[in-house]
């Protein structure tokens, strides 16, 4: 899937972001999402950004995104604004934990 737009820009903190996503789901519903950022040049080593080479972040499905964001901040981390995905199915944000790890938080509609 090709993705871009304001909600993706808000959640990643990147301007004019364009990304291709591939989502692989196993029979139990666990998902691995692969991202290729077309809008931001890649570098040869991980630098802690959403578009770095290699493992960039861990995505977690949560029941209460605001509560998890508060906990991240209470523990010394930060988070970008929470926004609704372009298809309206999820609320999401990127957080940075106190040790610098980038986390994507996703709250599915209807939870």
Protein backbone atom coordinates (compact mmCIF):
# COMPACT_ATOMS: atom_id res chain seq x y z
CA UNK A 1 0.00 0.00 0.00
CA UNK A 2 1.25 3.50 -0.79
CA UNK A 3 0.65 5.91 2.10
CA UNK A 4 1.01 9.68 2.52
CA UNK A 5 -0.94 12.60 3.88
CA UNK A 6 -1.42 14.74 6.94
CA UNK A 7 -2.16 11.99 9.47
CA UNK A 8 1.01 10.12 8.49
CA UNK A 9 3.01 13.37 8.67
CA UNK A 10 1.64 14.11 12.15
CA UNK A 11 2.26 10.65 13.55
CA UNK A 12 5.80 10.30 12.14
CA UNK A 13 6.83 13.94 12.63
CA UNK A 14 8.02 14.07 8.99
CA UNK A 15 7.04 16.60 6.31
CA UNK A 16 5.74 15.38 2.93
CA UNK A 17 6.19 11.73 3.91
CA UNK A 18 5.52 9.02 1.29
CA UNK A 19 5.91 5.38 2.30
CA UNK A 20 5.13 1.94 0.90
CA UNK A 21 3.86 -0.49 3.54
CA UNK A 22 3.59 -4.26 3.37
CA UNK A 23 1.70 -6.00 6.16
CA UNK A 24 2.30 -9.71 6.79
CA UNK A 25 -0.23 -11.37 9.10
CA UNK A 26 0.11 -14.85 10.58
CA UNK A 27 -2.87 -17.18 11.27
CA UNK A 28 -3.00 -15.94 14.90
CA UNK A 29 -3.38 -12.30 13.82
CA UNK A 30 0.15 -11.14 14.70
CA UNK A 31 1.45 -8.68 12.14
CA UNK A 32 4.84 -7.68 10.78
CA UNK A 33 4.78 -4.38 8.88
CA UNK A 34 7.62 -3.50 6.48
CA UNK A 35 8.09 0.15 5.47
CA UNK A 36 10.00 1.80 2.64
CA UNK A 37 10.22 5.59 2.92
CA UNK A 38 10.37 7.08 -0.58
CA UNK A 39 10.33 10.67 0.63
CA UNK A 40 13.31 10.56 2.96
CA UNK A 41 16.74 9.37 1.82
CA UNK A 42 18.14 6.34 3.54
CA UNK A 43 21.53 6.14 5.22
CA UNK A 44 23.68 3.10 5.85
CA UNK A 45 23.22 2.92 9.62
CA UNK A 46 20.42 3.23 12.14
CA UNK A 47 20.08 6.80 13.41
CA UNK A 48 16.88 6.47 15.45
CA UNK A 49 14.52 7.96 12.87
CA UNK A 50 11.40 6.34 11.37
CA UNK A 51 13.20 6.04 8.01
CA UNK A 52 16.57 4.71 9.26
CA UNK A 53 18.12 1.57 7.81
CA UNK A 54 17.25 -1.60 9.70
CA UNK A 55 14.80 -2.07 12.55
CA UNK A 56 13.33 1.38 13.13
CA UNK A 57 10.54 0.88 15.64
CA UNK A 58 8.20 -1.53 17.37
CA UNK A 59 4.43 -1.15 16.79
CA UNK A 60 2.03 -2.12 19.54
CA UNK A 61 -1.76 -2.36 19.50
CA UNK A 62 -3.11 -0.82 22.70
CA UNK A 63 -6.58 -0.44 24.20
CA UNK A 64 -6.15 3.13 25.53
CA UNK A 65 -3.64 5.16 23.54
CA UNK A 66 -3.85 8.23 25.79
CA UNK A 67 -3.09 6.16 28.91
CA UNK A 68 -0.08 4.55 27.25
CA UNK A 69 1.20 7.94 26.01
CA UNK A 70 0.88 9.32 29.55
CA UNK A 71 2.83 6.34 30.92
CA UNK A 72 5.59 6.86 28.32
CA UNK A 73 5.87 10.55 29.30
CA UNK A 74 5.75 9.70 33.04
CA UNK A 75 8.71 7.36 32.46
CA UNK A 76 10.72 10.10 30.72
CA UNK A 77 9.78 9.57 27.07
CA UNK A 78 7.92 11.72 24.54
CA UNK A 79 5.15 11.26 21.97
CA UNK A 80 3.86 12.93 18.83
CA UNK A 81 0.21 13.96 18.61
CA UNK A 82 -2.35 11.15 18.39
CA UNK A 83 -4.25 11.20 15.11
CA UNK A 84 -6.73 9.11 13.12
CA UNK A 85 -5.43 7.09 10.16
CA UNK A 86 -6.50 8.18 6.69
CA UNK A 87 -8.91 5.23 6.45
CA UNK A 88 -10.42 6.08 9.87
CA UNK A 89 -9.83 2.57 11.25
CA UNK A 90 -7.22 3.37 13.91
CA UNK A 91 -5.83 6.11 16.12
CA UNK A 92 -2.04 6.18 16.17
CA UNK A 93 1.12 7.95 17.25
CA UNK A 94 4.86 7.53 17.49
CA UNK A 95 6.50 7.65 20.93
CA UNK A 96 10.12 7.69 21.97
CA UNK A 97 10.80 5.76 25.16
CA UNK A 98 13.18 7.10 27.82
CA UNK A 99 16.02 5.01 26.33
CA UNK A 100 15.36 6.37 22.82
CA UNK A 101 13.50 3.40 21.30
CA UNK A 102 10.87 4.48 18.77
CA UNK A 103 7.42 2.96 19.37
CA UNK A 104 4.31 3.17 17.22
CA UNK A 105 1.10 2.93 19.23
CA UNK A 106 -2.12 1.89 17.47
CA UNK A 107 -5.62 1.86 18.96
CA UNK A 108 -8.15 0.04 16.80
CA UNK A 109 -11.66 1.49 16.38
CA UNK A 110 -14.31 -0.12 18.53
CA UNK A 111 -12.04 -0.96 21.46
